């Protein structure tokens, strides 16, 4: 019987220990398995350079989850978004339990 899984990722803002005035975002991924009835922490704890809007939910297709994502600019950036700075699809491979490559939008 095929296992059903749930992916949860949380983006957390934390203060960097050596400089309390600087914050850093990290993402933590967890996978829940219905077969084992347990949560498993995914080893990929990353510092994202992208953002996913709260109103953009993921889509599951052929063993991957995809989100519409945008590259994140530093807080102090105040100019227009450059044209060569496209949005992309962020993918997560459920079987390998790893983030996949960024995929360009059609």
N, C-alpha and C. Protein backbone atom coordinates (compact mmCIF):
# COMPACT_ATOMS: atom_id res chain seq x y z
N UNK A 1 0.85 -1.19 0.00
CA UNK A 1 0.00 0.00 0.00
C UNK A 1 0.88 1.24 0.00
N UNK A 2 0.53 2.18 -0.85
CA UNK A 2 1.31 3.41 -0.97
C UNK A 2 1.14 4.30 0.25
N UNK A 3 2.24 4.85 0.72
CA UNK A 3 2.22 5.74 1.87
C UNK A 3 1.76 7.13 1.44
N UNK A 4 0.94 7.75 2.21
CA UNK A 4 0.51 9.14 1.99
C UNK A 4 1.33 10.02 2.91
N UNK A 5 1.78 11.16 2.36
CA UNK A 5 2.65 12.05 3.14
C UNK A 5 2.14 13.47 3.12
N UNK A 6 2.51 14.21 4.15
CA UNK A 6 2.19 15.63 4.27
C UNK A 6 3.50 16.37 4.48
N UNK A 7 3.71 17.42 3.71
CA UNK A 7 4.91 18.24 3.86
C UNK A 7 4.53 19.52 4.59
N UNK A 8 5.33 19.87 5.57
CA UNK A 8 5.14 21.14 6.28
C UNK A 8 6.47 21.87 6.25
N UNK A 9 6.43 23.13 5.86
CA UNK A 9 7.64 23.91 6.01
C UNK A 9 7.33 25.21 6.70
N UNK A 10 8.25 25.60 7.56
CA UNK A 10 8.08 26.77 8.40
C UNK A 10 9.25 27.71 8.14
N UNK A 11 8.93 28.95 7.93
CA UNK A 11 9.96 29.97 7.75
C UNK A 11 10.04 30.75 9.04
N UNK A 12 11.24 30.79 9.62
CA UNK A 12 11.46 31.40 10.93
C UNK A 12 12.51 32.50 10.80
N UNK A 13 12.25 33.63 11.43
CA UNK A 13 13.24 34.70 11.47
C UNK A 13 13.96 34.62 12.80
N UNK A 14 15.27 34.52 12.75
CA UNK A 14 16.06 34.42 13.99
C UNK A 14 17.17 35.46 13.99
N UNK A 15 17.59 35.81 15.18
CA UNK A 15 18.69 36.76 15.35
C UNK A 15 20.01 36.00 15.27
N UNK A 16 20.95 36.56 14.55
CA UNK A 16 22.27 35.94 14.43
C UNK A 16 23.04 36.18 15.72
N UNK A 17 23.63 35.12 16.26
CA UNK A 17 24.24 35.18 17.59
C UNK A 17 25.37 36.21 17.69
N UNK A 18 26.16 36.35 16.64
CA UNK A 18 27.29 37.27 16.73
C UNK A 18 26.91 38.72 16.43
N UNK A 19 25.68 38.97 15.97
CA UNK A 19 25.24 40.33 15.72
C UNK A 19 23.74 40.42 16.00
N UNK A 20 23.35 40.81 17.20
CA UNK A 20 21.92 40.82 17.57
C UNK A 20 21.08 41.81 16.77
N UNK A 21 21.70 42.68 15.97
CA UNK A 21 20.94 43.64 15.17
C UNK A 21 20.57 43.07 13.81
N UNK A 22 21.09 41.89 13.47
CA UNK A 22 20.85 41.29 12.16
C UNK A 22 19.97 40.06 12.31
N UNK A 23 18.92 40.00 11.52
CA UNK A 23 18.03 38.83 11.51
C UNK A 23 18.30 38.00 10.27
N UNK A 24 18.00 36.73 10.38
CA UNK A 24 18.20 35.81 9.27
C UNK A 24 16.99 34.88 9.21
N UNK A 25 16.47 34.64 8.02
CA UNK A 25 15.37 33.70 7.86
C UNK A 25 15.93 32.31 7.59
N UNK A 26 15.29 31.31 8.17
CA UNK A 26 15.62 29.93 7.85
C UNK A 26 14.32 29.19 7.57
N UNK A 27 14.39 28.14 6.77
CA UNK A 27 13.24 27.28 6.50
C UNK A 27 13.54 25.89 7.01
N UNK A 28 12.58 25.33 7.69
CA UNK A 28 12.68 23.96 8.18
C UNK A 28 11.55 23.16 7.54
N UNK A 29 11.88 21.96 7.09
CA UNK A 29 10.91 21.09 6.43
C UNK A 29 10.67 19.86 7.28
N UNK A 30 9.40 19.44 7.37
CA UNK A 30 9.03 18.22 8.07
C UNK A 30 8.08 17.43 7.19
N UNK A 31 8.20 16.09 7.26
CA UNK A 31 7.34 15.21 6.47
C UNK A 31 6.59 14.29 7.43
N UNK A 32 5.26 14.25 7.26
CA UNK A 32 4.43 13.34 8.04
C UNK A 32 4.06 12.15 7.18
N UNK A 33 4.21 10.95 7.73
CA UNK A 33 3.87 9.72 7.04
C UNK A 33 2.64 9.10 7.70
N UNK A 34 1.60 8.84 6.91
CA UNK A 34 0.42 8.17 7.46
C UNK A 34 0.74 6.74 7.84
N UNK A 35 1.64 6.11 7.09
CA UNK A 35 1.99 4.71 7.36
C UNK A 35 2.66 4.56 8.73
N UNK A 36 3.61 5.44 9.03
CA UNK A 36 4.33 5.35 10.31
C UNK A 36 3.68 6.21 11.40
N UNK A 37 2.71 7.06 11.01
CA UNK A 37 2.02 7.95 11.95
C UNK A 37 3.01 8.81 12.72
N UNK A 38 3.98 9.38 11.99
CA UNK A 38 4.99 10.19 12.67
C UNK A 38 5.52 11.30 11.76
N UNK A 39 6.08 12.34 12.39
CA UNK A 39 6.73 13.43 11.69
C UNK A 39 8.22 13.15 11.62
N UNK A 40 8.84 13.52 10.51
CA UNK A 40 10.28 13.37 10.32
C UNK A 40 10.84 14.71 9.89
N UNK A 41 11.88 15.15 10.57
CA UNK A 41 12.55 16.40 10.21
C UNK A 41 13.40 16.14 8.96
N UNK A 42 13.21 16.97 7.95
CA UNK A 42 14.01 16.87 6.73
C UNK A 42 15.32 17.61 6.99
N UNK A 43 16.42 17.02 6.53
CA UNK A 43 17.74 17.58 6.83
C UNK A 43 18.01 18.93 6.19
N UNK A 44 17.28 19.27 5.14
CA UNK A 44 17.52 20.53 4.45
C UNK A 44 16.99 21.71 5.27
N UNK A 45 17.81 22.28 6.11
CA UNK A 45 17.49 23.54 6.77
C UNK A 45 18.23 24.60 5.97
N UNK A 46 17.49 25.48 5.34
CA UNK A 46 18.12 26.41 4.41
C UNK A 46 17.85 27.85 4.80
N UNK A 47 18.68 28.72 4.29
CA UNK A 47 18.46 30.15 4.38
C UNK A 47 17.91 30.57 3.02
N UNK A 48 16.62 30.79 2.92
CA UNK A 48 16.02 31.04 1.61
C UNK A 48 16.36 32.41 1.05
N UNK A 49 16.53 32.46 -0.26
CA UNK A 49 16.67 33.74 -0.95
C UNK A 49 15.44 33.97 -1.81
N UNK A 50 14.34 33.32 -1.43
CA UNK A 50 13.08 33.41 -2.14
C UNK A 50 11.95 33.57 -1.12
N UNK A 51 10.79 33.94 -1.65
CA UNK A 51 9.61 34.04 -0.78
C UNK A 51 8.41 33.47 -1.52
N UNK A 52 7.49 32.95 -0.74
CA UNK A 52 6.22 32.44 -1.24
C UNK A 52 5.14 33.22 -0.50
N UNK A 53 4.27 33.88 -1.24
CA UNK A 53 3.20 34.65 -0.60
C UNK A 53 2.27 33.73 0.16
N UNK A 54 1.72 34.21 1.24
CA UNK A 54 0.82 33.41 2.07
C UNK A 54 -0.41 32.94 1.30
N UNK A 55 -0.83 33.69 0.30
CA UNK A 55 -2.03 33.31 -0.45
C UNK A 55 -1.72 32.40 -1.64
N UNK A 56 -0.47 31.95 -1.78
CA UNK A 56 -0.09 31.01 -2.84
C UNK A 56 0.13 29.63 -2.25
N UNK A 57 -0.83 28.75 -2.45
CA UNK A 57 -0.67 27.39 -1.94
C UNK A 57 0.08 26.54 -2.96
N UNK A 58 0.65 25.45 -2.50
CA UNK A 58 1.39 24.56 -3.37
C UNK A 58 0.47 23.65 -4.17
N UNK A 59 1.02 23.07 -5.23
CA UNK A 59 0.30 22.12 -6.07
C UNK A 59 1.12 20.84 -6.13
N UNK A 60 0.47 19.70 -5.91
CA UNK A 60 1.15 18.41 -5.97
C UNK A 60 0.89 17.78 -7.33
N UNK A 61 1.98 17.32 -7.99
CA UNK A 61 1.87 16.72 -9.31
C UNK A 61 3.00 15.73 -9.52
N UNK A 62 2.67 14.48 -9.76
CA UNK A 62 3.62 13.42 -10.09
C UNK A 62 4.78 13.32 -9.10
N UNK A 63 4.47 13.33 -7.81
CA UNK A 63 5.49 13.13 -6.79
C UNK A 63 6.28 14.37 -6.39
N UNK A 64 5.87 15.52 -6.89
CA UNK A 64 6.53 16.78 -6.53
C UNK A 64 5.47 17.78 -6.05
N UNK A 65 5.93 18.72 -5.25
CA UNK A 65 5.09 19.85 -4.85
C UNK A 65 5.73 21.10 -5.44
N UNK A 66 4.91 21.96 -6.01
CA UNK A 66 5.39 23.17 -6.66
C UNK A 66 4.73 24.39 -6.03
N UNK A 67 5.53 25.44 -5.87
CA UNK A 67 5.02 26.73 -5.40
C UNK A 67 5.48 27.82 -6.35
N UNK A 68 4.62 28.81 -6.53
CA UNK A 68 5.00 30.03 -7.25
C UNK A 68 5.84 30.85 -6.27
N UNK A 69 7.07 31.16 -6.65
CA UNK A 69 7.98 31.85 -5.73
C UNK A 69 8.60 33.07 -6.41
N UNK A 70 9.10 33.94 -5.59
CA UNK A 70 9.78 35.15 -6.06
C UNK A 70 11.09 35.29 -5.31
N UNK A 71 12.09 35.76 -6.02
CA UNK A 71 13.36 36.01 -5.35
C UNK A 71 13.16 37.16 -4.37
N UNK A 72 13.76 37.02 -3.22
CA UNK A 72 13.59 38.03 -2.19
C UNK A 72 14.72 39.04 -2.25
N UNK A 73 14.35 40.29 -2.19
CA UNK A 73 15.34 41.36 -2.18
C UNK A 73 15.65 41.74 -0.74
N UNK A 74 16.84 42.25 -0.48
CA UNK A 74 17.17 42.71 0.88
C UNK A 74 16.20 43.79 1.34
N UNK A 75 16.01 43.88 2.65
CA UNK A 75 15.08 44.87 3.21
C UNK A 75 15.43 46.30 2.81
N UNK A 76 16.70 46.57 2.61
CA UNK A 76 17.11 47.93 2.29
C UNK A 76 16.97 48.26 0.81
N UNK A 77 16.59 47.29 -0.03
CA UNK A 77 16.43 47.52 -1.47
C UNK A 77 15.16 48.31 -1.71
N UNK A 78 15.26 49.42 -2.46
CA UNK A 78 14.09 50.26 -2.66
C UNK A 78 13.81 50.55 -4.13
N UNK A 79 14.59 49.97 -5.04
CA UNK A 79 14.39 50.23 -6.46
C UNK A 79 13.34 49.32 -7.08
N UNK A 80 13.10 49.51 -8.37
CA UNK A 80 12.15 48.63 -9.07
C UNK A 80 12.75 47.22 -9.24
N UNK A 81 11.88 46.25 -9.40
CA UNK A 81 12.34 44.88 -9.63
C UNK A 81 12.92 44.80 -11.04
N UNK A 82 14.15 44.37 -11.18
CA UNK A 82 14.77 44.29 -12.51
C UNK A 82 14.02 43.33 -13.42
N UNK A 83 13.98 43.63 -14.73
CA UNK A 83 13.28 42.77 -15.68
C UNK A 83 13.94 41.41 -15.82
N UNK A 84 15.25 41.32 -15.62
CA UNK A 84 15.94 40.04 -15.74
C UNK A 84 15.87 39.24 -14.44
N UNK A 85 14.92 39.56 -13.62
CA UNK A 85 14.75 38.94 -12.31
C UNK A 85 13.40 38.21 -12.29
N UNK A 86 13.28 37.10 -13.04
CA UNK A 86 11.97 36.47 -13.19
C UNK A 86 11.52 35.71 -11.94
N UNK A 87 10.21 35.56 -11.83
CA UNK A 87 9.64 34.68 -10.82
C UNK A 87 9.87 33.25 -11.29
N UNK A 88 9.63 32.27 -10.43
CA UNK A 88 9.93 30.89 -10.78
C UNK A 88 9.05 29.94 -9.98
N UNK A 89 9.12 28.66 -10.32
CA UNK A 89 8.46 27.61 -9.54
C UNK A 89 9.51 26.97 -8.66
N UNK A 90 9.19 26.85 -7.40
CA UNK A 90 10.05 26.15 -6.45
C UNK A 90 9.48 24.75 -6.32
N UNK A 91 10.32 23.73 -6.39
CA UNK A 91 9.82 22.36 -6.34
C UNK A 91 10.41 21.60 -5.17
N UNK A 92 9.63 20.62 -4.71
CA UNK A 92 10.07 19.72 -3.64
C UNK A 92 9.75 18.30 -4.08
N UNK A 93 10.78 17.44 -4.13
CA UNK A 93 10.63 16.04 -4.51
C UNK A 93 10.24 15.24 -3.27
N UNK A 94 9.02 14.74 -3.25
CA UNK A 94 8.51 14.04 -2.06
C UNK A 94 9.25 12.73 -1.82
N UNK A 95 9.54 11.99 -2.88
CA UNK A 95 10.21 10.69 -2.72
C UNK A 95 11.63 10.86 -2.18
N UNK A 96 12.38 11.80 -2.74
CA UNK A 96 13.76 12.05 -2.29
C UNK A 96 13.81 12.91 -1.03
N UNK A 97 12.70 13.58 -0.73
CA UNK A 97 12.59 14.48 0.42
C UNK A 97 13.64 15.58 0.36
N UNK A 98 13.70 16.23 -0.80
CA UNK A 98 14.66 17.30 -1.05
C UNK A 98 14.03 18.38 -1.93
N UNK A 99 14.52 19.60 -1.76
CA UNK A 99 14.14 20.66 -2.68
C UNK A 99 14.71 20.34 -4.06
N UNK A 100 13.93 20.63 -5.07
CA UNK A 100 14.39 20.44 -6.44
C UNK A 100 14.91 21.75 -7.00
N UNK A 101 15.21 21.77 -8.28
CA UNK A 101 15.74 22.98 -8.90
C UNK A 101 14.63 24.03 -9.08
N UNK A 102 15.05 25.27 -9.21
CA UNK A 102 14.11 26.33 -9.57
C UNK A 102 13.73 26.12 -11.03
N UNK A 103 12.46 26.26 -11.31
CA UNK A 103 11.98 26.05 -12.68
C UNK A 103 11.45 27.36 -13.23
N UNK A 104 11.84 27.72 -14.45
CA UNK A 104 11.34 28.96 -15.02
C UNK A 104 9.86 28.87 -15.34
N UNK A 105 9.17 29.97 -15.27
CA UNK A 105 7.76 30.01 -15.66
C UNK A 105 7.65 29.97 -17.17
N UNK A 106 6.58 29.39 -17.68
CA UNK A 106 6.42 29.33 -19.16
C UNK A 106 6.21 30.71 -19.74
